[in-house]
Amino acid sequence: MTFIKRELAWLHEHARRDADGAWWCKKTDKPISIAEIGRSIHYAGMHLAGSGEVRTVTHLACAGCEPDKKPPRYGEPITEEQLTEWS
C-alpha cells in the first residue's frame, strides 16, 4: 500500500492495532479512519507537471485528534517524494 510518509510515521507513533487488524488512537481511543484516494503523481520542482499517473494513496486520520480533517479530492496532486510503501 502507498502512504504519505508523514501520516505513516504518525500512525506508528500514535496508534495501536487490535487483534482484528483495526487501528486505534492511543490518545483518544477512537478509530483511525483509512481512505484510499487516487492521487495524480507530479514531478517535484515542476509545478503541475506529471506523467499522468494516478496512484491509490492511503490517507489516515483520527476522528478524535483531527475531527475536521477531510481526505483530498480524487486526482489532487502529490509528489513521489511524499510517498512510501508499507504493507
Protein backbone atom coordinates (compact mmCIF):
# COMPACT_ATOMS: atom_id res chain seq x y z
CA MET A 1 0.00 0.00 0.00
CA THR A 2 1.13 3.54 -0.69
CA PHE A 3 1.06 6.02 2.20
CA ILE A 4 2.11 9.60 2.78
CA LYS A 5 5.39 9.38 4.72
CA ARG A 6 4.37 11.80 7.48
CA GLU A 7 0.99 10.08 8.01
CA LEU A 8 2.63 6.65 8.25
CA ALA A 9 5.15 7.98 10.78
CA TRP A 10 2.24 9.44 12.77
CA LEU A 11 0.43 6.06 12.66
CA HIS A 12 3.43 4.18 14.04
CA GLU A 13 3.83 6.68 16.88
CA HIS A 14 0.21 7.41 17.84
CA ALA A 15 -1.81 4.29 17.03
CA ARG A 16 -2.21 0.71 18.14
CA ARG A 17 -3.57 -2.24 16.19
CA ASP A 18 -6.17 -4.57 17.67
CA ALA A 19 -6.49 -8.33 17.17
CA ASP A 20 -8.81 -7.78 14.17
CA GLY A 21 -6.27 -5.54 12.43
CA ALA A 22 -8.10 -2.24 13.04
CA TRP A 23 -6.08 0.82 14.09
CA TRP A 24 -6.99 2.88 17.18
CA CYS A 25 -5.59 6.17 18.52
CA LYS A 26 -3.56 5.68 21.71
CA LYS A 27 -4.53 9.17 22.94
CA THR A 28 -8.30 9.28 22.27
CA ASP A 29 -9.08 5.56 21.83
CA LYS A 30 -11.01 6.47 18.67
CA PRO A 31 -10.68 4.52 15.43
CA ILE A 32 -8.21 5.64 12.79
CA SER A 33 -10.06 6.24 9.54
CA ILE A 34 -8.50 4.96 6.35
CA ALA A 35 -9.38 6.41 2.95
CA GLU A 36 -7.86 5.23 -0.32
CA ILE A 37 -7.82 8.07 -2.84
CA GLY A 38 -6.48 8.23 -6.41
CA ARG A 39 -3.77 10.92 -6.48
CA SER A 40 -2.08 12.43 -9.51
CA ILE A 41 1.70 11.94 -9.30
CA HIS A 42 3.54 15.15 -10.14
CA TYR A 43 7.24 15.93 -10.52
CA ALA A 44 8.87 17.73 -7.59
CA GLY A 45 10.02 21.21 -8.52
CA MET A 46 7.86 21.38 -11.65
CA HIS A 47 4.52 22.95 -10.76
CA LEU A 48 1.60 20.96 -12.22
CA ALA A 49 3.88 18.71 -14.27
CA GLY A 50 3.45 14.95 -14.19
CA SER A 51 3.36 11.79 -16.27
CA GLY A 52 -0.39 11.37 -15.97
CA GLU A 53 -0.02 8.51 -13.49
CA VAL A 54 -2.74 8.25 -10.86
CA ARG A 55 -1.88 6.09 -7.86
CA THR A 56 -4.10 4.96 -5.00
CA VAL A 57 -2.77 6.54 -1.79
CA THR A 58 -3.92 5.52 1.69
CA HIS A 59 -4.82 8.51 3.88
CA LEU A 60 -5.15 8.26 7.66
CA ALA A 61 -6.94 10.38 10.27
CA CYS A 62 -8.06 10.13 13.89
CA ALA A 63 -11.66 11.23 14.45
CA GLY A 64 -10.72 12.37 17.97
CA CYS A 65 -7.49 14.25 17.20
CA GLU A 66 -8.50 15.60 13.78
CA PRO A 67 -12.33 15.79 13.72
CA ASP A 68 -12.39 18.27 10.82
CA LYS A 69 -9.74 16.62 8.63
CA LYS A 70 -11.06 15.79 5.18
CA PRO A 71 -9.33 13.49 2.71
CA PRO A 72 -8.05 15.04 -0.52
CA ARG A 73 -10.12 15.00 -3.69
CA TYR A 74 -9.53 12.35 -6.34
CA GLY A 75 -6.71 13.47 -8.65
CA GLU A 76 -5.26 16.03 -6.24
CA PRO A 77 -1.52 16.30 -7.00
CA ILE A 78 1.19 14.76 -4.84
CA THR A 79 4.90 14.12 -5.47
CA GLU A 80 6.69 10.79 -5.34
CA GLU A 81 8.96 12.17 -2.62
CA GLN A 82 5.98 12.46 -0.24
CA LEU A 83 5.08 8.77 -0.59
CA THR A 84 6.28 5.46 0.80
CA GLU A 85 5.21 1.83 0.51
CA TRP A 86 4.18 -0.25 3.52
CA SER A 87 2.16 -3.40 4.00
